Amino acid sequence: MSLANSIKANPFLKKVAHWLLIPTNDFRPRLWIRLLVNPFKHKKGKGTIVRYSSRMDVFPFNPFSLGDYSVVEDFATINNGVGAVHIGKKSIVGLGCTVIGPVIIGDHVMLAQNIVVSGLNHGYELIDVPPSEQKTVTNQILINDKVWIGANCVITAGVTIGEHAIVGAGSVVTKDIPPYTVSVGNPARVVKKYNFDSAVWEKI
């Protein structure tokens, strides 16, 4: 049994390891993890930009990668605490966005401002236990290449957004979005689709 599996199997060791990684009653890695572990554990491509005031809550026990020439803008938060986060090449995570894994973001993706992309949910079924203390439930989000998501959108757990799809500002995406479409609203629905025969974006 590997060291990691031995720690996971032992509640006491797991608690100690958790404390070493994360301060009590906090949700971000300790400074020594951010400075001494993450740079060697996680992959950042050439030409990447992570703004100083962004919050990179990435932990060594789940994968994180940032592709070549991608940008994480000011006041954005990236968190892989409950699932891997992979961001492709030449993609941008805009001002004030929140990305919580498990999430895969493709190449040439634009996330505008104040978008929430979260593969995490909390259980709520037990009425004598606060939702914050119930089990976490994750379901991976997949945002394919060349997607543009407008400001103030919410992308919910388990959703797949197809290649070159456009999501209008303020939309709440609760179901899969097909490729080469424009979707708007709460919940988001397709209003245009690209016709490859006529080379026109047609209203639905």
N, C-alpha and C. Protein backbone atom coordinates (compact mmCIF):
# COMPACT_ATOMS: atom_id res chain seq x y z
N MET A 1 0.85 -1.19 0.00
CA MET A 1 0.00 0.00 0.00
C MET A 1 0.89 1.25 0.00
N SER A 2 0.56 2.20 -0.87
CA SER A 2 1.36 3.42 -0.96
C SER A 2 1.17 4.28 0.28
N LEU A 3 2.09 5.24 0.47
CA LEU A 3 2.01 6.14 1.61
C LEU A 3 0.70 6.92 1.59
N ALA A 4 0.33 7.42 0.42
CA ALA A 4 -0.92 8.20 0.31
C ALA A 4 -2.13 7.37 0.70
N ASN A 5 -2.18 6.12 0.24
CA ASN A 5 -3.31 5.25 0.57
C ASN A 5 -3.31 4.88 2.05
N SER A 6 -2.10 4.72 2.63
CA SER A 6 -2.01 4.42 4.07
C SER A 6 -2.56 5.57 4.89
N ILE A 7 -2.24 6.82 4.47
CA ILE A 7 -2.75 7.99 5.18
C ILE A 7 -4.26 8.09 5.05
N LYS A 8 -4.78 7.85 3.85
CA LYS A 8 -6.23 7.93 3.62
C LYS A 8 -6.98 6.88 4.43
N ALA A 9 -6.35 5.73 4.64
CA ALA A 9 -7.02 4.63 5.34
C ALA A 9 -6.99 4.80 6.85
N ASN A 10 -6.15 5.69 7.36
CA ASN A 10 -6.01 5.89 8.80
C ASN A 10 -6.60 7.25 9.17
N PRO A 11 -7.73 7.28 9.89
CA PRO A 11 -8.38 8.56 10.20
C PRO A 11 -7.48 9.56 10.92
N PHE A 12 -6.64 9.07 11.86
CA PHE A 12 -5.76 9.98 12.59
C PHE A 12 -4.72 10.59 11.67
N LEU A 13 -4.06 9.74 10.87
CA LEU A 13 -3.04 10.25 9.94
C LEU A 13 -3.66 11.18 8.91
N LYS A 14 -4.87 10.85 8.49
CA LYS A 14 -5.56 11.71 7.52
C LYS A 14 -5.84 13.08 8.11
N LYS A 15 -6.23 13.12 9.37
CA LYS A 15 -6.50 14.39 10.04
C LYS A 15 -5.24 15.22 10.19
N VAL A 16 -4.13 14.55 10.55
CA VAL A 16 -2.84 15.25 10.69
C VAL A 16 -2.38 15.80 9.34
N ALA A 17 -2.48 14.96 8.30
CA ALA A 17 -2.06 15.40 6.96
C ALA A 17 -2.90 16.59 6.49
N HIS A 18 -4.20 16.53 6.77
CA HIS A 18 -5.09 17.62 6.40
C HIS A 18 -4.68 18.91 7.10
N TRP A 19 -4.34 18.82 8.40
CA TRP A 19 -3.92 20.00 9.15
C TRP A 19 -2.62 20.57 8.62
N LEU A 20 -1.71 19.69 8.18
CA LEU A 20 -0.44 20.16 7.63
C LEU A 20 -0.65 20.90 6.31
N LEU A 21 -1.67 20.52 5.57
CA LEU A 21 -1.94 21.13 4.26
C LEU A 21 -2.80 22.38 4.36
N ILE A 22 -3.78 22.36 5.28
CA ILE A 22 -4.80 23.41 5.33
C ILE A 22 -4.97 23.88 6.76
N PRO A 23 -4.90 25.18 7.03
CA PRO A 23 -5.14 25.67 8.40
C PRO A 23 -6.55 25.33 8.87
N THR A 24 -6.70 25.20 10.19
CA THR A 24 -8.00 24.91 10.77
C THR A 24 -9.01 25.97 10.38
N ASN A 25 -10.20 25.50 9.98
CA ASN A 25 -11.31 26.37 9.61
C ASN A 25 -10.98 27.28 8.42
N ASP A 26 -10.14 26.77 7.53
CA ASP A 26 -9.77 27.52 6.34
C ASP A 26 -9.94 26.60 5.14
N PHE A 27 -9.90 27.17 3.94
CA PHE A 27 -10.15 26.39 2.73
C PHE A 27 -9.09 26.63 1.66
N ARG A 28 -7.94 27.16 2.09
CA ARG A 28 -6.87 27.37 1.13
C ARG A 28 -5.60 26.74 1.66
N PRO A 29 -4.68 26.33 0.79
CA PRO A 29 -3.47 25.66 1.25
C PRO A 29 -2.57 26.59 2.05
N ARG A 30 -1.80 25.99 2.95
CA ARG A 30 -0.83 26.76 3.73
C ARG A 30 0.21 27.37 2.80
N LEU A 31 0.87 28.42 3.30
CA LEU A 31 1.85 29.15 2.51
C LEU A 31 2.96 28.24 2.02
N TRP A 32 3.44 27.32 2.87
CA TRP A 32 4.55 26.45 2.46
C TRP A 32 4.14 25.53 1.31
N ILE A 33 2.87 25.16 1.26
CA ILE A 33 2.38 24.35 0.14
C ILE A 33 2.39 25.18 -1.14
N ARG A 34 1.91 26.43 -1.03
CA ARG A 34 1.84 27.29 -2.21
C ARG A 34 3.23 27.62 -2.76
N LEU A 35 4.20 27.79 -1.85
CA LEU A 35 5.53 28.23 -2.29
C LEU A 35 6.49 27.08 -2.61
N LEU A 36 6.40 25.99 -1.85
CA LEU A 36 7.43 24.95 -1.94
C LEU A 36 6.97 23.65 -2.60
N VAL A 37 5.66 23.44 -2.67
CA VAL A 37 5.16 22.18 -3.22
C VAL A 37 4.50 22.37 -4.57
N ASN A 38 3.54 23.30 -4.63
CA ASN A 38 2.75 23.46 -5.86
C ASN A 38 3.58 23.75 -7.11
N PRO A 39 4.63 24.59 -7.03
CA PRO A 39 5.41 24.85 -8.25
C PRO A 39 6.03 23.61 -8.86
N PHE A 40 6.26 22.59 -8.05
CA PHE A 40 6.87 21.36 -8.55
C PHE A 40 5.83 20.29 -8.86
N LYS A 41 4.64 20.44 -8.29
CA LYS A 41 3.59 19.43 -8.45
C LYS A 41 2.70 19.70 -9.66
N HIS A 42 2.38 20.98 -9.88
CA HIS A 42 1.41 21.33 -10.91
C HIS A 42 2.09 21.89 -12.16
N LYS A 43 1.40 21.76 -13.29
CA LYS A 43 1.98 22.13 -14.58
C LYS A 43 1.46 23.47 -15.08
N LYS A 44 2.38 24.36 -15.37
CA LYS A 44 2.04 25.62 -16.02
C LYS A 44 2.86 25.72 -17.30
N GLY A 45 2.18 26.01 -18.41
CA GLY A 45 2.86 26.11 -19.69
C GLY A 45 3.63 27.40 -19.83
N LYS A 46 4.33 27.52 -20.94
CA LYS A 46 5.11 28.73 -21.19
C LYS A 46 4.19 29.90 -21.49
N GLY A 47 4.62 31.07 -21.05
CA GLY A 47 3.87 32.29 -21.33
C GLY A 47 2.60 32.46 -20.54
N THR A 48 2.36 31.63 -19.53
CA THR A 48 1.14 31.79 -18.73
C THR A 48 1.25 33.02 -17.84
N ILE A 49 0.09 33.59 -17.53
CA ILE A 49 0.02 34.74 -16.62
C ILE A 49 -1.01 34.44 -15.54
N VAL A 50 -0.57 34.49 -14.29
CA VAL A 50 -1.47 34.38 -13.14
C VAL A 50 -1.32 35.67 -12.36
N ARG A 51 -2.32 36.52 -12.38
CA ARG A 51 -2.23 37.83 -11.76
C ARG A 51 -2.01 37.71 -10.26
N TYR A 52 -1.33 38.70 -9.71
CA TYR A 52 -0.92 38.66 -8.31
C TYR A 52 -2.12 38.57 -7.36
N SER A 53 -3.22 39.26 -7.69
CA SER A 53 -4.36 39.27 -6.78
C SER A 53 -5.37 38.16 -7.05
N SER A 54 -5.03 37.22 -7.92
CA SER A 54 -5.88 36.04 -8.08
C SER A 54 -5.64 35.11 -6.89
N ARG A 55 -6.55 34.22 -6.67
CA ARG A 55 -6.44 33.29 -5.53
C ARG A 55 -6.34 31.87 -6.07
N MET A 56 -5.15 31.30 -5.98
CA MET A 56 -4.89 29.95 -6.50
C MET A 56 -4.95 28.97 -5.35
N ASP A 57 -6.15 28.50 -5.04
CA ASP A 57 -6.34 27.52 -3.97
C ASP A 57 -6.18 26.12 -4.56
N VAL A 58 -4.95 25.81 -4.96
CA VAL A 58 -4.66 24.50 -5.54
C VAL A 58 -3.85 23.68 -4.55
N PHE A 59 -4.23 22.42 -4.44
CA PHE A 59 -3.65 21.50 -3.47
C PHE A 59 -2.87 20.41 -4.20
N PRO A 60 -1.87 19.83 -3.54
CA PRO A 60 -1.04 18.83 -4.22
C PRO A 60 -1.72 17.48 -4.41
N PHE A 61 -2.83 17.22 -3.71
CA PHE A 61 -3.46 15.90 -3.80
C PHE A 61 -4.42 15.77 -4.97
N ASN A 62 -4.68 16.85 -5.72
CA ASN A 62 -5.47 16.78 -6.95
C ASN A 62 -4.73 17.51 -8.06
N PRO A 63 -4.87 17.06 -9.32
CA PRO A 63 -4.15 17.70 -10.41
C PRO A 63 -4.64 19.11 -10.72
N PHE A 64 -3.70 19.93 -11.20
CA PHE A 64 -4.00 21.25 -11.74
C PHE A 64 -3.02 21.51 -12.87
N SER A 65 -3.51 22.05 -13.99
CA SER A 65 -2.62 22.43 -15.08
C SER A 65 -3.17 23.66 -15.78
N LEU A 66 -2.25 24.48 -16.27
CA LEU A 66 -2.58 25.71 -16.99
C LEU A 66 -1.77 25.71 -18.27
N GLY A 67 -2.45 25.73 -19.42
CA GLY A 67 -1.79 25.58 -20.71
C GLY A 67 -1.03 26.82 -21.15
N ASP A 68 -0.23 26.65 -22.19
CA ASP A 68 0.60 27.72 -22.73
C ASP A 68 -0.21 28.98 -23.02
N TYR A 69 0.33 30.12 -22.60
CA TYR A 69 -0.21 31.46 -22.90
C TYR A 69 -1.63 31.69 -22.37
N SER A 70 -2.03 30.92 -21.39
CA SER A 70 -3.33 31.17 -20.75
C SER A 70 -3.17 32.19 -19.62
N VAL A 71 -4.29 32.82 -19.26
CA VAL A 71 -4.27 33.92 -18.29
C VAL A 71 -5.34 33.68 -17.22
N VAL A 72 -4.95 33.87 -15.96
CA VAL A 72 -5.90 33.93 -14.85
C VAL A 72 -5.88 35.35 -14.33
N GLU A 73 -6.98 36.06 -14.51
CA GLU A 73 -7.02 37.49 -14.23
C GLU A 73 -7.19 37.79 -12.73
N ASP A 74 -7.06 39.08 -12.40
CA ASP A 74 -7.19 39.54 -11.02
C ASP A 74 -8.52 39.11 -10.39
N PHE A 75 -8.44 38.76 -9.10
CA PHE A 75 -9.59 38.43 -8.26
C PHE A 75 -10.30 37.15 -8.67
N ALA A 76 -9.71 36.39 -9.60
CA ALA A 76 -10.24 35.07 -9.93
C ALA A 76 -9.79 34.07 -8.86
N THR A 77 -10.57 33.00 -8.70
CA THR A 77 -10.23 31.93 -7.77
C THR A 77 -10.26 30.60 -8.52
N ILE A 78 -9.19 29.84 -8.36
CA ILE A 78 -9.12 28.48 -8.90
C ILE A 78 -8.97 27.54 -7.72
N ASN A 79 -9.83 26.51 -7.62
CA ASN A 79 -9.80 25.59 -6.49
C ASN A 79 -9.93 24.16 -6.99
N ASN A 80 -8.91 23.34 -6.69
CA ASN A 80 -8.94 21.92 -7.07
C ASN A 80 -9.09 21.02 -5.85
N GLY A 81 -9.61 21.56 -4.75
CA GLY A 81 -9.69 20.81 -3.51
C GLY A 81 -10.54 19.55 -3.59
N VAL A 82 -11.59 19.56 -4.41
CA VAL A 82 -12.46 18.39 -4.52
C VAL A 82 -12.41 17.75 -5.90
N GLY A 83 -11.57 18.28 -6.79
CA GLY A 83 -11.46 17.70 -8.12
C GLY A 83 -10.48 18.45 -8.98
N ALA A 84 -9.90 17.73 -9.93
CA ALA A 84 -8.87 18.30 -10.80
C ALA A 84 -9.40 19.49 -11.60
N VAL A 85 -8.49 20.42 -11.88
CA VAL A 85 -8.79 21.56 -12.76
C VAL A 85 -7.73 21.60 -13.84
N HIS A 86 -8.17 21.50 -15.09
CA HIS A 86 -7.26 21.58 -16.23
C HIS A 86 -7.74 22.69 -17.16
N ILE A 87 -6.86 23.62 -17.47
CA ILE A 87 -7.17 24.73 -18.36
C ILE A 87 -6.22 24.65 -19.55
N GLY A 88 -6.76 24.70 -20.76
CA GLY A 88 -5.97 24.49 -21.96
C GLY A 88 -5.14 25.70 -22.37
N LYS A 89 -4.72 25.70 -23.63
CA LYS A 89 -3.84 26.73 -24.17
C LYS A 89 -4.63 27.97 -24.61
N LYS A 90 -4.01 29.14 -24.42
CA LYS A 90 -4.55 30.42 -24.89
C LYS A 90 -5.99 30.64 -24.42
N SER A 91 -6.27 30.23 -23.19
CA SER A 91 -7.58 30.46 -22.59
C SER A 91 -7.46 31.55 -21.54
N ILE A 92 -8.58 32.18 -21.22
CA ILE A 92 -8.57 33.26 -20.23
C ILE A 92 -9.67 33.04 -19.21
N VAL A 93 -9.27 33.14 -17.94
CA VAL A 93 -10.22 33.13 -16.82
C VAL A 93 -10.33 34.58 -16.37
N GLY A 94 -11.46 35.20 -16.62
CA GLY A 94 -11.60 36.64 -16.49
C GLY A 94 -11.66 37.14 -15.06
N LEU A 95 -11.75 38.45 -14.92
CA LEU A 95 -11.78 39.12 -13.63
C LEU A 95 -12.90 38.56 -12.74
N GLY A 96 -12.54 38.16 -11.53
CA GLY A 96 -13.54 37.76 -10.56
C GLY A 96 -14.20 36.42 -10.79
N CYS A 97 -13.68 35.61 -11.70
CA CYS A 97 -14.27 34.29 -11.94
C CYS A 97 -13.91 33.31 -10.82
N THR A 98 -14.75 32.31 -10.64
CA THR A 98 -14.48 31.22 -9.70
C THR A 98 -14.58 29.90 -10.45
N VAL A 99 -13.53 29.09 -10.37
CA VAL A 99 -13.50 27.77 -11.01
C VAL A 99 -13.19 26.74 -9.93
N ILE A 100 -14.16 25.86 -9.66
CA ILE A 100 -14.00 24.82 -8.65
C ILE A 100 -14.13 23.47 -9.33
N GLY A 101 -13.12 22.62 -9.19
CA GLY A 101 -13.10 21.34 -9.86
C GLY A 101 -14.15 20.36 -9.34
N PRO A 102 -14.34 19.26 -10.06
CA PRO A 102 -13.59 18.87 -11.26
C PRO A 102 -14.07 19.61 -12.52
N VAL A 103 -13.11 20.24 -13.20
CA VAL A 103 -13.41 21.05 -14.38
C VAL A 103 -12.30 20.86 -15.41
N ILE A 104 -12.69 20.68 -16.67
CA ILE A 104 -11.75 20.70 -17.79
C ILE A 104 -12.17 21.83 -18.72
N ILE A 105 -11.25 22.75 -18.97
CA ILE A 105 -11.47 23.88 -19.87
C ILE A 105 -10.52 23.71 -21.05
N GLY A 106 -11.03 23.78 -22.26
CA GLY A 106 -10.22 23.51 -23.44
C GLY A 106 -9.34 24.68 -23.86
N ASP A 107 -8.92 24.65 -25.11
CA ASP A 107 -8.06 25.69 -25.69
C ASP A 107 -8.91 26.86 -26.23
N HIS A 108 -8.33 28.06 -26.18
CA HIS A 108 -8.96 29.26 -26.75
C HIS A 108 -10.35 29.52 -26.15
N VAL A 109 -10.49 29.24 -24.88
CA VAL A 109 -11.76 29.49 -24.18
C VAL A 109 -11.71 30.87 -23.53
N MET A 110 -12.79 31.62 -23.64
CA MET A 110 -12.90 32.92 -22.97
C MET A 110 -13.97 32.85 -21.89
N LEU A 111 -13.56 33.03 -20.65
CA LEU A 111 -14.50 33.24 -19.56
C LEU A 111 -14.46 34.73 -19.25
N ALA A 112 -15.57 35.41 -19.42
CA ALA A 112 -15.61 36.86 -19.16
C ALA A 112 -15.54 37.11 -17.66
N GLN A 113 -16.23 38.10 -17.15
CA GLN A 113 -16.09 38.51 -15.75
C GLN A 113 -17.15 37.85 -14.85
N ASN A 114 -16.71 37.56 -13.61
CA ASN A 114 -17.63 37.13 -12.54
C ASN A 114 -18.44 35.88 -12.89
N ILE A 115 -17.80 34.92 -13.52
CA ILE A 115 -18.44 33.66 -13.87
C ILE A 115 -18.13 32.63 -12.80
N VAL A 116 -19.11 31.79 -12.47
CA VAL A 116 -18.90 30.67 -11.55
C VAL A 116 -19.00 29.37 -12.34
N VAL A 117 -17.93 28.59 -12.29
CA VAL A 117 -17.88 27.26 -12.91
C VAL A 117 -17.57 26.29 -11.78
N SER A 118 -18.56 25.55 -11.32
CA SER A 118 -18.36 24.72 -10.13
C SER A 118 -18.86 23.30 -10.35
N GLY A 119 -17.94 22.36 -10.23
CA GLY A 119 -18.29 20.94 -10.28
C GLY A 119 -18.68 20.39 -8.92
N LEU A 120 -18.88 21.25 -7.94
CA LEU A 120 -19.14 20.85 -6.55
C LEU A 120 -20.56 21.19 -6.13
N ASN A 121 -21.16 20.26 -5.41
CA ASN A 121 -22.41 20.50 -4.71
C ASN A 121 -22.32 19.91 -3.31
N HIS A 122 -23.16 20.40 -2.40
CA HIS A 122 -23.26 19.84 -1.07
C HIS A 122 -24.57 19.07 -0.94
N GLY A 123 -24.51 17.95 -0.18
CA GLY A 123 -25.74 17.26 0.16
C GLY A 123 -26.61 18.13 1.04
N TYR A 124 -27.91 17.90 1.01
CA TYR A 124 -28.86 18.68 1.81
C TYR A 124 -29.96 17.81 2.38
N GLU A 125 -29.95 16.51 2.04
CA GLU A 125 -31.08 15.65 2.33
C GLU A 125 -31.33 15.43 3.82
N LEU A 126 -30.27 15.45 4.64
CA LEU A 126 -30.42 15.21 6.08
C LEU A 126 -30.83 16.51 6.76
N ILE A 127 -32.07 16.58 7.23
CA ILE A 127 -32.59 17.86 7.73
C ILE A 127 -32.04 18.22 9.11
N ASP A 128 -31.43 17.28 9.82
CA ASP A 128 -30.86 17.59 11.13
C ASP A 128 -29.37 17.91 11.05
N VAL A 129 -28.83 18.00 9.81
CA VAL A 129 -27.42 18.32 9.60
C VAL A 129 -27.34 19.51 8.62
N PRO A 130 -26.59 20.57 8.96
CA PRO A 130 -26.47 21.70 8.02
C PRO A 130 -25.85 21.23 6.70
N PRO A 131 -26.29 21.77 5.56
CA PRO A 131 -25.70 21.39 4.28
C PRO A 131 -24.19 21.53 4.25
N SER A 132 -23.65 22.52 4.99
CA SER A 132 -22.20 22.73 5.00
C SER A 132 -21.44 21.56 5.61
N GLU A 133 -22.14 20.73 6.40
CA GLU A 133 -21.49 19.59 7.05
C GLU A 133 -21.88 18.26 6.42
N GLN A 134 -22.69 18.30 5.38
CA GLN A 134 -23.05 17.08 4.69
C GLN A 134 -22.02 16.77 3.60
N LYS A 135 -22.12 15.58 3.05
CA LYS A 135 -21.12 15.12 2.08
C LYS A 135 -21.10 16.01 0.85
N THR A 136 -19.93 16.14 0.26
CA THR A 136 -19.81 16.87 -1.00
C THR A 136 -20.06 15.91 -2.16
N VAL A 137 -20.67 16.43 -3.19
CA VAL A 137 -20.97 15.65 -4.39
C VAL A 137 -20.34 16.39 -5.56
N THR A 138 -19.56 15.69 -6.37
CA THR A 138 -18.91 16.32 -7.51
C THR A 138 -19.34 15.67 -8.82
N ASN A 139 -19.34 16.48 -9.86
CA ASN A 139 -19.66 16.00 -11.20
C ASN A 139 -18.92 16.90 -12.19
N GLN A 140 -18.06 16.30 -12.99
CA GLN A 140 -17.14 17.07 -13.82
C GLN A 140 -17.85 17.95 -14.85
N ILE A 141 -17.32 19.17 -14.99
CA ILE A 141 -17.74 20.10 -16.05
C ILE A 141 -16.70 20.04 -17.16
N LEU A 142 -17.17 20.00 -18.40
CA LEU A 142 -16.29 20.01 -19.57
C LEU A 142 -16.67 21.19 -20.46
N ILE A 143 -15.74 22.11 -20.63
CA ILE A 143 -15.92 23.25 -21.53
C ILE A 143 -14.95 23.06 -22.69
N ASN A 144 -15.48 22.78 -23.85
CA ASN A 144 -14.65 22.42 -25.00
C ASN A 144 -13.97 23.65 -25.62
N ASP A 145 -13.16 23.40 -26.65
CA ASP A 145 -12.35 24.44 -27.28
C ASP A 145 -13.22 25.55 -27.87
N LYS A 146 -12.68 26.77 -27.85
CA LYS A 146 -13.23 27.95 -28.53
C LYS A 146 -14.59 28.38 -28.01
N VAL A 147 -14.87 28.06 -26.76
CA VAL A 147 -16.13 28.50 -26.14
C VAL A 147 -15.96 29.92 -25.60
N TRP A 148 -17.02 30.71 -25.69
CA TRP A 148 -17.05 32.05 -25.11
C TRP A 148 -18.24 32.12 -24.16
N ILE A 149 -17.95 32.41 -22.89
CA ILE A 149 -18.99 32.51 -21.88
C ILE A 149 -19.04 33.95 -21.39
N GLY A 150 -20.22 34.57 -21.51
CA GLY A 150 -20.38 35.97 -21.15
C GLY A 150 -20.36 36.21 -19.66
N ALA A 151 -20.30 37.47 -19.27
CA ALA A 151 -20.17 37.87 -17.87
C ALA A 151 -21.34 37.39 -17.03
N ASN A 152 -21.03 37.09 -15.76
CA ASN A 152 -22.02 36.78 -14.73
C ASN A 152 -22.82 35.50 -14.99
N CYS A 153 -22.23 34.56 -15.71
CA CYS A 153 -22.88 33.26 -15.93
C CYS A 153 -22.56 32.30 -14.79
N VAL A 154 -23.41 31.28 -14.66
CA VAL A 154 -23.17 30.18 -13.73
C VAL A 154 -23.23 28.88 -14.53
N ILE A 155 -22.16 28.08 -14.40
CA ILE A 155 -22.10 26.78 -15.08
C ILE A 155 -22.17 25.72 -13.99
N THR A 156 -23.21 24.91 -13.98
CA THR A 156 -23.45 23.98 -12.89
C THR A 156 -22.77 22.63 -13.13
N ALA A 157 -22.64 21.86 -12.06
CA ALA A 157 -21.92 20.59 -12.08
C ALA A 157 -22.49 19.63 -13.12
N GLY A 158 -21.59 18.92 -13.80
CA GLY A 158 -21.97 17.88 -14.73
C GLY A 158 -22.25 18.33 -16.15
N VAL A 159 -22.15 19.63 -16.40
CA VAL A 159 -22.50 20.19 -17.71
C VAL A 159 -21.34 20.05 -18.69
N THR A 160 -21.67 19.77 -19.95
CA THR A 160 -20.70 19.81 -21.05
C THR A 160 -21.12 20.90 -22.02
N ILE A 161 -20.17 21.78 -22.37
CA ILE A 161 -20.42 22.84 -23.34
C ILE A 161 -19.61 22.52 -24.59
N GLY A 162 -20.29 22.39 -25.72
CA GLY A 162 -19.66 21.95 -26.94
C GLY A 162 -18.75 23.00 -27.57
N GLU A 163 -17.94 22.55 -28.51
CA GLU A 163 -16.96 23.40 -29.18
C GLU A 163 -17.61 24.62 -29.82
N HIS A 164 -16.96 25.76 -29.68
CA HIS A 164 -17.37 27.03 -30.29
C HIS A 164 -18.82 27.40 -29.93
N ALA A 165 -19.25 27.00 -28.75
CA ALA A 165 -20.55 27.45 -28.27
C ALA A 165 -20.40 28.79 -27.58
N ILE A 166 -21.44 29.60 -27.66
CA ILE A 166 -21.47 30.92 -27.03
C ILE A 166 -22.58 30.92 -25.98
N VAL A 167 -22.24 31.39 -24.77
CA VAL A 167 -23.23 31.47 -23.70
C VAL A 167 -23.38 32.94 -23.34
N GLY A 168 -24.59 33.48 -23.50
CA GLY A 168 -24.83 34.90 -23.29
C GLY A 168 -24.70 35.30 -21.83
N ALA A 169 -24.39 36.56 -21.60
CA ALA A 169 -24.18 37.10 -20.26
C ALA A 169 -25.38 36.84 -19.36
N GLY A 170 -25.08 36.49 -18.10
CA GLY A 170 -26.12 36.29 -17.11
C GLY A 170 -26.85 34.96 -17.19
N SER A 171 -26.41 34.07 -18.05
CA SER A 171 -27.10 32.78 -18.21
C SER A 171 -26.72 31.80 -17.09
N VAL A 172 -27.65 30.87 -16.82
CA VAL A 172 -27.40 29.78 -15.87
C VAL A 172 -27.49 28.48 -16.65
N VAL A 173 -26.36 27.81 -16.78
CA VAL A 173 -26.30 26.60 -17.61
C VAL A 173 -26.49 25.39 -16.72
N THR A 174 -27.62 24.71 -16.90
CA THR A 174 -27.94 23.53 -16.09
C THR A 174 -27.94 22.24 -16.90
N LYS A 175 -27.88 22.37 -18.24
CA LYS A 175 -27.86 21.20 -19.11
C LYS A 175 -26.80 21.40 -20.18
N ASP A 176 -26.43 20.31 -20.85
CA ASP A 176 -25.40 20.37 -21.89
C ASP A 176 -25.78 21.36 -22.99
N ILE A 177 -24.76 22.04 -23.50
CA ILE A 177 -24.93 22.99 -24.61
C ILE A 177 -24.28 22.39 -25.85
N PRO A 178 -25.01 22.26 -26.95
CA PRO A 178 -24.42 21.67 -28.15
C PRO A 178 -23.34 22.56 -28.77
N PRO A 179 -22.45 21.98 -29.56
CA PRO A 179 -21.42 22.78 -30.23
C PRO A 179 -22.04 23.71 -31.27
N TYR A 180 -21.33 24.82 -31.54
CA TYR A 180 -21.72 25.78 -32.58
C TYR A 180 -23.14 26.30 -32.38
N THR A 181 -23.43 26.67 -31.13
CA THR A 181 -24.74 27.24 -30.82
C THR A 181 -24.55 28.48 -29.96
N VAL A 182 -25.60 29.30 -29.89
CA VAL A 182 -25.67 30.42 -28.96
C VAL A 182 -26.81 30.13 -27.99
N SER A 183 -26.51 30.23 -26.70
CA SER A 183 -27.51 29.95 -25.68
C SER A 183 -27.61 31.13 -24.72
N VAL A 184 -28.82 31.40 -24.24
CA VAL A 184 -29.04 32.50 -23.30
C VAL A 184 -30.13 32.09 -22.31
N GLY A 185 -30.16 32.79 -21.16
CA GLY A 185 -31.28 32.67 -20.26
C GLY A 185 -31.02 31.86 -19.01
N ASN A 186 -32.06 31.77 -18.18
CA ASN A 186 -32.03 31.01 -16.93
C ASN A 186 -33.31 30.18 -16.84
N PRO A 187 -33.20 28.87 -17.09
CA PRO A 187 -31.99 28.14 -17.51
C PRO A 187 -31.66 28.43 -18.97
N ALA A 188 -30.39 28.28 -19.31
CA ALA A 188 -29.94 28.60 -20.66
C ALA A 188 -30.59 27.68 -21.70
N ARG A 189 -30.98 28.29 -22.81
CA ARG A 189 -31.55 27.51 -23.92
C ARG A 189 -30.95 28.01 -25.23
N VAL A 190 -30.90 27.13 -26.20
CA VAL A 190 -30.29 27.45 -27.50
C VAL A 190 -31.22 28.38 -28.28
N VAL A 191 -30.65 29.50 -28.78
CA VAL A 191 -31.43 30.44 -29.59
C VAL A 191 -30.88 30.56 -31.01
N LYS A 192 -29.65 30.14 -31.23
CA LYS A 192 -29.07 30.15 -32.57
C LYS A 192 -28.19 28.91 -32.75
N LYS A 193 -28.07 28.49 -33.99
CA LYS A 193 -27.20 27.37 -34.33
C LYS A 193 -26.54 27.64 -35.67
N TYR A 194 -25.26 27.28 -35.78
CA TYR A 194 -24.55 27.52 -37.03
C TYR A 194 -24.92 26.46 -38.06
N ASN A 195 -25.29 26.91 -39.25
CA ASN A 195 -25.62 26.02 -40.36
C ASN A 195 -24.39 25.92 -41.26
N PHE A 196 -23.76 24.77 -41.27
CA PHE A 196 -22.53 24.60 -42.05
C PHE A 196 -22.79 24.62 -43.55
N ASP A 197 -24.01 24.28 -43.96
CA ASP A 197 -24.33 24.30 -45.40
C ASP A 197 -24.45 25.73 -45.93
N SER A 198 -25.11 26.60 -45.15
CA SER A 198 -25.31 27.98 -45.61
C SER A 198 -24.28 28.95 -45.02
N ALA A 199 -23.48 28.44 -44.06
CA ALA A 199 -22.47 29.27 -43.38
C ALA A 199 -23.10 30.49 -42.70
N VAL A 200 -24.25 30.24 -42.06
CA VAL A 200 -25.00 31.30 -41.36
C VAL A 200 -25.40 30.81 -39.98
N TRP A 201 -25.34 31.77 -38.99
CA TRP A 201 -25.89 31.47 -37.68
C TRP A 201 -27.40 31.69 -37.74
N GLU A 202 -28.18 30.63 -37.60
CA GLU A 202 -29.63 30.70 -37.78
C GLU A 202 -30.36 30.68 -36.44
N LYS A 203 -31.41 31.48 -36.33
CA LYS A 203 -32.23 31.48 -35.12
C LYS A 203 -32.99 30.16 -35.04
N ILE A 204 -33.16 29.69 -33.80
CA ILE A 204 -33.91 28.44 -33.58
C ILE A 204 -35.38 28.78 -33.37
